[in-house]
Amino acid sequence: MTLGLVMDILRRSIYELIIIGGPLLVVPLVVGLIVSIFQATTQIQEQTLTFVPKVISIFAVLIILGPWMLTRLINYINYLMSMILNAIK
């Protein structure tokens, strides 16, 4: 296994991590920002008002993008397995 191959696997791993995990981080961030703006304008300071919409948005993202995320993950695992088989030969 060469250094270039290891770097390629590492680069692709980080890329897949960002692509798959990005929506799970960005959507709740946007929802939290919207709820915070709503709280600031109405002066409602309820803690559950920020928590519940974020959890609901995470579940919604998982339901909507779950099959796509799983497909990307399966393709990445197939790529890793082929790289391992090529390295063993």
PDB file of N, CA and C in Angstrom:
ATOM      1  N   MET A   1       0.849  -1.171   0.000  1.00  0.00           N
ATOM      2  CA  MET A   1       0.000   0.000   0.000  1.00  0.00           C
ATOM      3  C   MET A   1       0.901   1.242   0.000  1.00  0.00           C
ATOM      4  N   THR A   2       0.707   2.082  -0.977  1.00  0.00           N
ATOM      5  CA  THR A   2       1.544   3.268  -1.100  1.00  0.00           C
ATOM      6  C   THR A   2       0.950   4.434  -0.315  1.00  0.00           C
ATOM      7  N   LEU A   3       1.780   5.435  -0.126  1.00  0.00           N
ATOM      8  CA  LEU A   3       1.332   6.630   0.590  1.00  0.00           C
ATOM      9  C   LEU A   3       0.224   7.357  -0.185  1.00  0.00           C
ATOM     10  N   GLY A   4       0.324   7.360  -1.490  1.00  0.00           N
ATOM     11  CA  GLY A   4      -0.702   8.001  -2.315  1.00  0.00           C
ATOM     12  C   GLY A   4      -2.055   7.321  -2.175  1.00  0.00           C
ATOM     13  N   LEU A   5      -2.042   5.995  -2.087  1.00  0.00           N
ATOM     14  CA  LEU A   5      -3.285   5.250  -1.917  1.00  0.00           C
ATOM     15  C   LEU A   5      -3.913   5.525  -0.565  1.00  0.00           C
ATOM     16  N   VAL A   6      -3.090   5.585   0.463  1.00  0.00           N
ATOM     17  CA  VAL A   6      -3.583   5.893   1.808  1.00  0.00           C
ATOM     18  C   VAL A   6      -4.161   7.306   1.848  1.00  0.00           C
ATOM     19  N   MET A   7      -3.483   8.248   1.228  1.00  0.00           N
ATOM     20  CA  MET A   7      -3.975   9.628   1.195  1.00  0.00           C
ATOM     21  C   MET A   7      -5.284   9.730   0.413  1.00  0.00           C
ATOM     22  N   ASP A   8      -5.414   8.950  -0.657  1.00  0.00           N
ATOM     23  CA  ASP A   8      -6.650   8.954  -1.441  1.00  0.00           C
ATOM     24  C   ASP A   8      -7.809   8.399  -0.619  1.00  0.00           C
ATOM     25  N   ILE A   9      -7.570   7.326   0.117  1.00  0.00           N
ATOM     26  CA  ILE A   9      -8.612   6.757   0.973  1.00  0.00           C
ATOM     27  C   ILE A   9      -8.992   7.737   2.076  1.00  0.00           C
ATOM     28  N   LEU A  10      -8.022   8.381   2.674  1.00  0.00           N
ATOM     29  CA  LEU A  10      -8.287   9.356   3.723  1.00  0.00           C
ATOM     30  C   LEU A  10      -9.055  10.558   3.193  1.00  0.00           C
ATOM     31  N   ARG A  11      -8.670  11.043   2.029  1.00  0.00           N
ATOM     32  CA  ARG A  11      -9.356  12.182   1.418  1.00  0.00           C
ATOM     33  C   ARG A  11     -10.808  11.848   1.107  1.00  0.00           C
ATOM     34  N   ARG A  12     -11.011  10.665   0.541  1.00  0.00           N
ATOM     35  CA  ARG A  12     -12.388  10.274   0.214  1.00  0.00           C
ATOM     36  C   ARG A  12     -13.215  10.019   1.474  1.00  0.00           C
ATOM     37  N   SER A  13     -12.590   9.512   2.516  1.00  0.00           N
ATOM     38  CA  SER A  13     -13.300   9.294   3.781  1.00  0.00           C
ATOM     39  C   SER A  13     -13.798  10.613   4.365  1.00  0.00           C
ATOM     40  N   ILE A  14     -12.943  11.606   4.380  1.00  0.00           N
ATOM     41  CA  ILE A  14     -13.326  12.913   4.906  1.00  0.00           C
ATOM     42  C   ILE A  14     -14.409  13.548   4.038  1.00  0.00           C
ATOM     43  N   TYR A  15     -14.282  13.392   2.728  1.00  0.00           N
ATOM     44  CA  TYR A  15     -15.289  13.937   1.810  1.00  0.00           C
ATOM     45  C   TYR A  15     -16.651  13.297   2.058  1.00  0.00           C
ATOM     46  N   GLU A  16     -16.681  11.978   2.171  1.00  0.00           N
ATOM     47  CA  GLU A  16     -17.949  11.283   2.413  1.00  0.00           C
ATOM     48  C   GLU A  16     -18.528  11.665   3.775  1.00  0.00           C
ATOM     49  N   LEU A  17     -17.691  11.830   4.762  1.00  0.00           N
ATOM     50  CA  LEU A  17     -18.157  12.249   6.081  1.00  0.00           C
ATOM     51  C   LEU A  17     -18.837  13.610   6.010  1.00  0.00           C
ATOM     52  N   ILE A  18     -18.253  14.531   5.286  1.00  0.00           N
ATOM     53  CA  ILE A  18     -18.832  15.874   5.158  1.00  0.00           C
ATOM     54  C   ILE A  18     -20.136  15.826   4.368  1.00  0.00           C
ATOM     55  N   ILE A  19     -20.152  15.064   3.273  1.00  0.00           N
ATOM     56  CA  ILE A  19     -21.343  15.000   2.428  1.00  0.00           C
ATOM     57  C   ILE A  19     -22.501  14.304   3.147  1.00  0.00           C
ATOM     58  N   ILE A  20     -22.219  13.210   3.850  1.00  0.00           N
ATOM     59  CA  ILE A  20     -23.288  12.468   4.519  1.00  0.00           C
ATOM     60  C   ILE A  20     -23.728  13.172   5.804  1.00  0.00           C
ATOM     61  N   GLY A  21     -22.791  13.686   6.567  1.00  0.00           N
ATOM     62  CA  GLY A  21     -23.135  14.310   7.840  1.00  0.00           C
ATOM     63  C   GLY A  21     -23.532  15.769   7.753  1.00  0.00           C
ATOM     64  N   GLY A  22     -23.233  16.408   6.648  1.00  0.00           N
ATOM     65  CA  GLY A  22     -23.538  17.827   6.490  1.00  0.00           C
ATOM     66  C   GLY A  22     -24.990  18.198   6.685  1.00  0.00           C
ATOM     67  N   PRO A  23     -25.908  17.514   5.993  1.00  0.00           N
ATOM     68  CA  PRO A  23     -27.322  17.869   6.173  1.00  0.00           C
ATOM     69  C   PRO A  23     -27.817  17.681   7.605  1.00  0.00           C
ATOM     70  N   LEU A  24     -27.259  16.705   8.313  1.00  0.00           N
ATOM     71  CA  LEU A  24     -27.677  16.477   9.697  1.00  0.00           C
ATOM     72  C   LEU A  24     -27.178  17.577  10.629  1.00  0.00           C
ATOM     73  N   LEU A  25     -26.218  18.348  10.191  1.00  0.00           N
ATOM     74  CA  LEU A  25     -25.719  19.459  10.995  1.00  0.00           C
ATOM     75  C   LEU A  25     -26.269  20.807  10.547  1.00  0.00           C
ATOM     76  N   VAL A  26     -26.434  20.983   9.250  1.00  0.00           N
ATOM     77  CA  VAL A  26     -26.843  22.285   8.718  1.00  0.00           C
ATOM     78  C   VAL A  26     -28.326  22.564   8.966  1.00  0.00           C
ATOM     79  N   VAL A  27     -29.179  21.574   8.757  1.00  0.00           N
ATOM     80  CA  VAL A  27     -30.623  21.792   8.912  1.00  0.00           C
ATOM     81  C   VAL A  27     -30.983  22.181  10.344  1.00  0.00           C
ATOM     82  N   PRO A  28     -30.519  21.448  11.381  1.00  0.00           N
ATOM     83  CA  PRO A  28     -30.830  21.899  12.741  1.00  0.00           C
ATOM     84  C   PRO A  28     -30.226  23.264  13.082  1.00  0.00           C
ATOM     85  N   LEU A  29     -29.078  23.589  12.478  1.00  0.00           N
ATOM     86  CA  LEU A  29     -28.490  24.905  12.690  1.00  0.00           C
ATOM     87  C   LEU A  29     -29.405  26.004  12.169  1.00  0.00           C
ATOM     88  N   VAL A  30     -29.945  25.810  10.976  1.00  0.00           N
ATOM     89  CA  VAL A  30     -30.854  26.793  10.385  1.00  0.00           C
ATOM     90  C   VAL A  30     -32.150  26.867  11.186  1.00  0.00           C
ATOM     91  N   VAL A  31     -32.681  25.716  11.594  1.00  0.00           N
ATOM     92  CA  VAL A  31     -33.908  25.705  12.389  1.00  0.00           C
ATOM     93  C   VAL A  31     -33.678  26.408  13.724  1.00  0.00           C
ATOM     94  N   GLY A  32     -32.540  26.158  14.362  1.00  0.00           N
ATOM     95  CA  GLY A  32     -32.222  26.830  15.618  1.00  0.00           C
ATOM     96  C   GLY A  32     -32.099  28.329  15.456  1.00  0.00           C
ATOM     97  N   LEU A  33     -31.521  28.770  14.338  1.00  0.00           N
ATOM     98  CA  LEU A  33     -31.403  30.198  14.066  1.00  0.00           C
ATOM     99  C   LEU A  33     -32.779  30.841  13.886  1.00  0.00           C
ATOM    100  N   ILE A  34     -33.646  30.170  13.155  1.00  0.00           N
ATOM    101  CA  ILE A  34     -34.998  30.696  12.941  1.00  0.00           C
ATOM    102  C   ILE A  34     -35.760  30.766  14.267  1.00  0.00           C
ATOM    103  N   VAL A  35     -35.651  29.718  15.079  1.00  0.00           N
ATOM    104  CA  VAL A  35     -36.346  29.705  16.368  1.00  0.00           C
ATOM    105  C   VAL A  35     -35.773  30.784  17.283  1.00  0.00           C
ATOM    106  N   SER A  36     -34.463  30.989  17.254  1.00  0.00           N
ATOM    107  CA  SER A  36     -33.843  32.025  18.088  1.00  0.00           C
ATOM    108  C   SER A  36     -34.304  33.422  17.678  1.00  0.00           C
ATOM    109  N   ILE A  37     -34.416  33.649  16.389  1.00  0.00           N
ATOM    110  CA  ILE A  37     -34.926  34.937  15.921  1.00  0.00           C
ATOM    111  C   ILE A  37     -36.371  35.114  16.354  1.00  0.00           C
ATOM    112  N   PHE A  38     -37.167  34.046  16.255  1.00  0.00           N
ATOM    113  CA  PHE A  38     -38.557  34.102  16.706  1.00  0.00           C
ATOM    114  C   PHE A  38     -38.629  34.402  18.201  1.00  0.00           C
ATOM    115  N   GLN A  39     -37.772  33.758  18.998  1.00  0.00           N
ATOM    116  CA  GLN A  39     -37.758  34.002  20.439  1.00  0.00           C
ATOM    117  C   GLN A  39     -37.339  35.427  20.764  1.00  0.00           C
ATOM    118  N   ALA A  40     -36.380  35.942  20.026  1.00  0.00           N
ATOM    119  CA  ALA A  40     -35.911  37.300  20.294  1.00  0.00           C
ATOM    120  C   ALA A  40     -36.978  38.339  19.958  1.00  0.00           C
ATOM    121  N   THR A  41     -37.733  38.086  18.905  1.00  0.00           N
ATOM    122  CA  THR A  41     -38.751  39.071  18.529  1.00  0.00           C
ATOM    123  C   THR A  41     -39.980  39.000  19.431  1.00  0.00           C
ATOM    124  N   THR A  42     -40.320  37.806  19.909  1.00  0.00           N
ATOM    125  CA  THR A  42     -41.510  37.677  20.752  1.00  0.00           C
ATOM    126  C   THR A  42     -41.190  37.679  22.244  1.00  0.00           C
ATOM    127  N   GLN A  43     -39.933  37.648  22.593  1.00  0.00           N
ATOM    128  CA  GLN A  43     -39.456  37.617  23.976  1.00  0.00           C
ATOM    129  C   GLN A  43     -39.974  36.403  24.746  1.00  0.00           C
ATOM    130  N   ILE A  44     -40.157  35.301  24.046  1.00  0.00           N
ATOM    131  CA  ILE A  44     -40.504  34.025  24.682  1.00  0.00           C
ATOM    132  C   ILE A  44     -39.197  33.282  24.932  1.00  0.00           C
ATOM    133  N   GLN A  45     -38.893  32.975  26.173  1.00  0.00           N
ATOM    134  CA  GLN A  45     -37.630  32.312  26.511  1.00  0.00           C
ATOM    135  C   GLN A  45     -37.893  30.910  27.065  1.00  0.00           C
ATOM    136  N   GLU A  46     -38.496  30.080  26.268  1.00  0.00           N
ATOM    137  CA  GLU A  46     -38.782  28.704  26.659  1.00  0.00           C
ATOM    138  C   GLU A  46     -37.693  27.794  26.085  1.00  0.00           C
ATOM    139  N   GLN A  47     -37.076  26.969  26.922  1.00  0.00           N
ATOM    140  CA  GLN A  47     -35.972  26.116  26.488  1.00  0.00           C
ATOM    141  C   GLN A  47     -36.418  25.032  25.520  1.00  0.00           C
ATOM    142  N   THR A  48     -37.591  24.463  25.753  1.00  0.00           N
ATOM    143  CA  THR A  48     -38.047  23.391  24.867  1.00  0.00           C
ATOM    144  C   THR A  48     -38.413  23.904  23.488  1.00  0.00           C
ATOM    145  N   LEU A  49     -38.646  25.184  23.368  1.00  0.00           N
ATOM    146  CA  LEU A  49     -38.985  25.763  22.076  1.00  0.00           C
ATOM    147  C   LEU A  49     -37.800  25.678  21.113  1.00  0.00           C
ATOM    148  N   THR A  50     -36.587  25.638  21.618  1.00  0.00           N
ATOM    149  CA  THR A  50     -35.426  25.489  20.735  1.00  0.00           C
ATOM    150  C   THR A  50     -35.068  24.030  20.527  1.00  0.00           C
ATOM    151  N   PHE A  51     -35.319  23.189  21.510  1.00  0.00           N
ATOM    152  CA  PHE A  51     -34.890  21.797  21.440  1.00  0.00           C
ATOM    153  C   PHE A  51     -35.786  20.951  20.542  1.00  0.00           C
ATOM    154  N   VAL A  52     -37.078  21.060  20.713  1.00  0.00           N
ATOM    155  CA  VAL A  52     -38.025  20.198  19.999  1.00  0.00           C
ATOM    156  C   VAL A  52     -37.967  20.402  18.484  1.00  0.00           C
ATOM    157  N   PRO A  53     -37.961  21.625  17.957  1.00  0.00           N
ATOM    158  CA  PRO A  53     -37.875  21.770  16.498  1.00  0.00           C
ATOM    159  C   PRO A  53     -36.574  21.212  15.908  1.00  0.00           C
ATOM    160  N   LYS A  54     -35.478  21.313  16.661  1.00  0.00           N
ATOM    161  CA  LYS A  54     -34.226  20.752  16.163  1.00  0.00           C
ATOM    162  C   LYS A  54     -34.300  19.238  16.055  1.00  0.00           C
ATOM    163  N   VAL A  55     -34.856  18.594  17.058  1.00  0.00           N
ATOM    164  CA  VAL A  55     -34.988  17.130  17.031  1.00  0.00           C
ATOM    165  C   VAL A  55     -35.920  16.703  15.905  1.00  0.00           C
ATOM    166  N   ILE A  56     -37.016  17.417  15.742  1.00  0.00           N
ATOM    167  CA  ILE A  56     -37.955  17.103  14.657  1.00  0.00           C
ATOM    168  C   ILE A  56     -37.285  17.290  13.300  1.00  0.00           C
ATOM    169  N   SER A  57     -36.474  18.338  13.159  1.00  0.00           N
ATOM    170  CA  SER A  57     -35.800  18.567  11.877  1.00  0.00           C
ATOM    171  C   SER A  57     -34.767  17.482  11.591  1.00  0.00           C
ATOM    172  N   ILE A  58     -34.089  16.991  12.618  1.00  0.00           N
ATOM    173  CA  ILE A  58     -33.125  15.901  12.412  1.00  0.00           C
ATOM    174  C   ILE A  58     -33.842  14.643  11.945  1.00  0.00           C
ATOM    175  N   PHE A  59     -34.971  14.313  12.569  1.00  0.00           N
ATOM    176  CA  PHE A  59     -35.734  13.151  12.141  1.00  0.00           C
ATOM    177  C   PHE A  59     -36.268  13.330  10.722  1.00  0.00           C
ATOM    178  N   ALA A  60     -36.697  14.529  10.386  1.00  0.00           N
ATOM    179  CA  ALA A  60     -37.196  14.786   9.036  1.00  0.00           C
ATOM    180  C   ALA A  60     -36.088  14.614   8.000  1.00  0.00           C
ATOM    181  N   VAL A  61     -34.895  15.099   8.316  1.00  0.00           N
ATOM    182  CA  VAL A  61     -33.761  14.935   7.395  1.00  0.00           C
ATOM    183  C   VAL A  61     -33.425  13.465   7.239  1.00  0.00           C
ATOM    184  N   LEU A  62     -33.442  12.710   8.336  1.00  0.00           N
ATOM    185  CA  LEU A  62     -33.153  11.282   8.247  1.00  0.00           C
ATOM    186  C   LEU A  62     -34.203  10.545   7.422  1.00  0.00           C
ATOM    187  N   ILE A  63     -35.462  10.922   7.556  1.00  0.00           N
ATOM    188  CA  ILE A  63     -36.513  10.266   6.783  1.00  0.00           C
ATOM    189  C   ILE A  63     -36.401  10.620   5.301  1.00  0.00           C
ATOM    190  N   ILE A  64     -36.139  11.886   5.018  1.00  0.00           N
ATOM    191  CA  ILE A  64     -36.087  12.333   3.625  1.00  0.00           C
ATOM    192  C   ILE A  64     -34.789  11.900   2.937  1.00  0.00           C
ATOM    193  N   LEU A  65     -33.660  12.103   3.598  1.00  0.00           N
ATOM    194  CA  LEU A  65     -32.365  11.835   2.962  1.00  0.00           C
ATOM    195  C   LEU A  65     -31.738  10.512   3.380  1.00  0.00           C
ATOM    196  N   GLY A  66     -32.415   9.743   4.229  1.00  0.00           N
ATOM    197  CA  GLY A  66     -31.857   8.480   4.705  1.00  0.00           C
ATOM    198  C   GLY A  66     -31.478   7.508   3.597  1.00  0.00           C
ATOM    199  N   PRO A  67     -32.366   7.255   2.627  1.00  0.00           N
ATOM    200  CA  PRO A  67     -31.988   6.333   1.544  1.00  0.00           C
ATOM    201  C   PRO A  67     -30.780   6.819   0.736  1.00  0.00           C
ATOM    202  N   TRP A  68     -30.719   8.105   0.486  1.00  0.00           N
ATOM    203  CA  TRP A  68     -29.570   8.657  -0.240  1.00  0.00           C
ATOM    204  C   TRP A  68     -28.288   8.493   0.564  1.00  0.00           C
ATOM    205  N   MET A  69     -28.356   8.769   1.871  1.00  0.00           N
ATOM    206  CA  MET A  69     -27.186   8.616   2.732  1.00  0.00           C
ATOM    207  C   MET A  69     -26.731   7.166   2.771  1.00  0.00           C
ATOM    208  N   LEU A  70     -27.673   6.249   2.877  1.00  0.00           N
ATOM    209  CA  LEU A  70     -27.333   4.835   2.917  1.00  0.00           C
ATOM    210  C   LEU A  70     -26.702   4.379   1.610  1.00  0.00           C
ATOM    211  N   THR A  71     -27.219   4.863   0.490  1.00  0.00           N
ATOM    212  CA  THR A  71     -26.649   4.515  -0.809  1.00  0.00           C
ATOM    213  C   THR A  71     -25.213   5.017  -0.927  1.00  0.00           C
ATOM    214  N   ARG A  72     -24.970   6.246  -0.494  1.00  0.00           N
ATOM    215  CA  ARG A  72     -23.603   6.781  -0.537  1.00  0.00           C
ATOM    216  C   ARG A  72     -22.666   5.978   0.354  1.00  0.00           C
ATOM    217  N   LEU A  73     -23.150   5.598   1.521  1.00  0.00           N
ATOM    218  CA  LEU A  73     -22.339   4.826   2.454  1.00  0.00           C
ATOM    219  C   LEU A  73     -22.028   3.445   1.892  1.00  0.00           C
ATOM    220  N   ILE A  74     -23.005   2.805   1.274  1.00  0.00           N
ATOM    221  CA  ILE A  74     -22.776   1.494   0.666  1.00  0.00           C
ATOM    222  C   ILE A  74     -21.775   1.605  -0.480  1.00  0.00           C
ATOM    223  N   ASN A  75     -21.894   2.628  -1.306  1.00  0.00           N
ATOM    224  CA  ASN A  75     -20.933   2.828  -2.395  1.00  0.00           C
ATOM    225  C   ASN A  75     -19.527   3.054  -1.850  1.00  0.00           C
ATOM    226  N   TYR A  76     -19.417   3.789  -0.758  1.00  0.00           N
ATOM    227  CA  TYR A  76     -18.100   4.031  -0.162  1.00  0.00           C
ATOM    228  C   TYR A  76     -17.520   2.744   0.418  1.00  0.00           C
ATOM    229  N   ILE A  77     -18.346   1.934   1.060  1.00  0.00           N
ATOM    230  CA  ILE A  77     -17.856   0.666   1.606  1.00  0.00           C
ATOM    231  C   ILE A  77     -17.413  -0.262   0.482  1.00  0.00           C
ATOM    232  N   ASN A  78     -18.160  -0.291  -0.623  1.00  0.00           N
ATOM    233  CA  ASN A  78     -17.733  -1.088  -1.777  1.00  0.00           C
ATOM    234  C   ASN A  78     -16.395  -0.600  -2.318  1.00  0.00           C
ATOM    235  N   TYR A  79     -16.214   0.710  -2.364  1.00  0.00           N
ATOM    236  CA  TYR A  79     -14.933   1.280  -2.797  1.00  0.00           C
ATOM    237  C   TYR A  79     -13.802   0.838  -1.876  1.00  0.00           C
ATOM    238  N   LEU A  80     -14.044   0.904  -0.561  1.00  0.00           N
ATOM    239  CA  LEU A  80     -13.011   0.486   0.390  1.00  0.00           C
ATOM    240  C   LEU A  80     -12.676  -0.988   0.247  1.00  0.00           C
ATOM    241  N   MET A  81     -13.694  -1.825   0.070  1.00  0.00           N
ATOM    242  CA  MET A  81     -13.445  -3.262  -0.076  1.00  0.00           C
ATOM    243  C   MET A  81     -12.640  -3.558  -1.339  1.00  0.00           C
ATOM    244  N   SER A  82     -12.958  -2.853  -2.426  1.00  0.00           N
ATOM    245  CA  SER A  82     -12.177  -3.064  -3.645  1.00  0.00           C
ATOM    246  C   SER A  82     -10.742  -2.584  -3.474  1.00  0.00           C
ATOM    247  N   MET A  83     -10.539  -1.495  -2.750  1.00  0.00           N
ATOM    248  CA  MET A  83      -9.174  -1.017  -2.500  1.00  0.00           C
ATOM    249  C   MET A  83      -8.404  -2.005  -1.625  1.00  0.00           C
ATOM    250  N   ILE A  84      -9.066  -2.606  -0.654  1.00  0.00           N
ATOM    251  CA  ILE A  84      -8.406  -3.590   0.201  1.00  0.00           C
ATOM    252  C   ILE A  84      -8.041  -4.826  -0.603  1.00  0.00           C
ATOM    253  N   LEU A  85      -8.953  -5.293  -1.460  1.00  0.00           N
ATOM    254  CA  LEU A  85      -8.656  -6.460  -2.281  1.00  0.00           C
ATOM    255  C   LEU A  85      -7.505  -6.183  -3.248  1.00  0.00           C
ATOM    256  N   ASN A  86      -7.462  -4.983  -3.817  1.00  0.00           N
ATOM    257  CA  ASN A  86      -6.357  -4.623  -4.715  1.00  0.00           C
ATOM    258  C   ASN A  86      -5.037  -4.512  -3.961  1.00  0.00           C
ATOM    259  N   ALA A  87      -5.083  -4.074  -2.727  1.00  0.00           N
ATOM    260  CA  ALA A  87      -3.846  -3.929  -1.933  1.00  0.00           C
ATOM    261  C   ALA A  87      -3.308  -5.287  -1.513  1.00  0.00           C
ATOM    262  N   ILE A  88      -4.183  -6.269  -1.312  1.00  0.00           N
ATOM    263  CA  ILE A  88      -3.743  -7.589  -0.896  1.00  0.00           C
ATOM    264  C   ILE A  88      -3.085  -8.328  -2.054  1.00  0.00           C
ATOM    265  N   LYS A  89      -3.582  -8.119  -3.273  1.00  0.00           N
ATOM    266  CA  LYS A  89      -3.042  -8.837  -4.447  1.00  0.00           C
ATOM    267  C   LYS A  89      -1.654  -8.423  -4.791  1.00  0.00           C
TER     268      LYS A  89
END
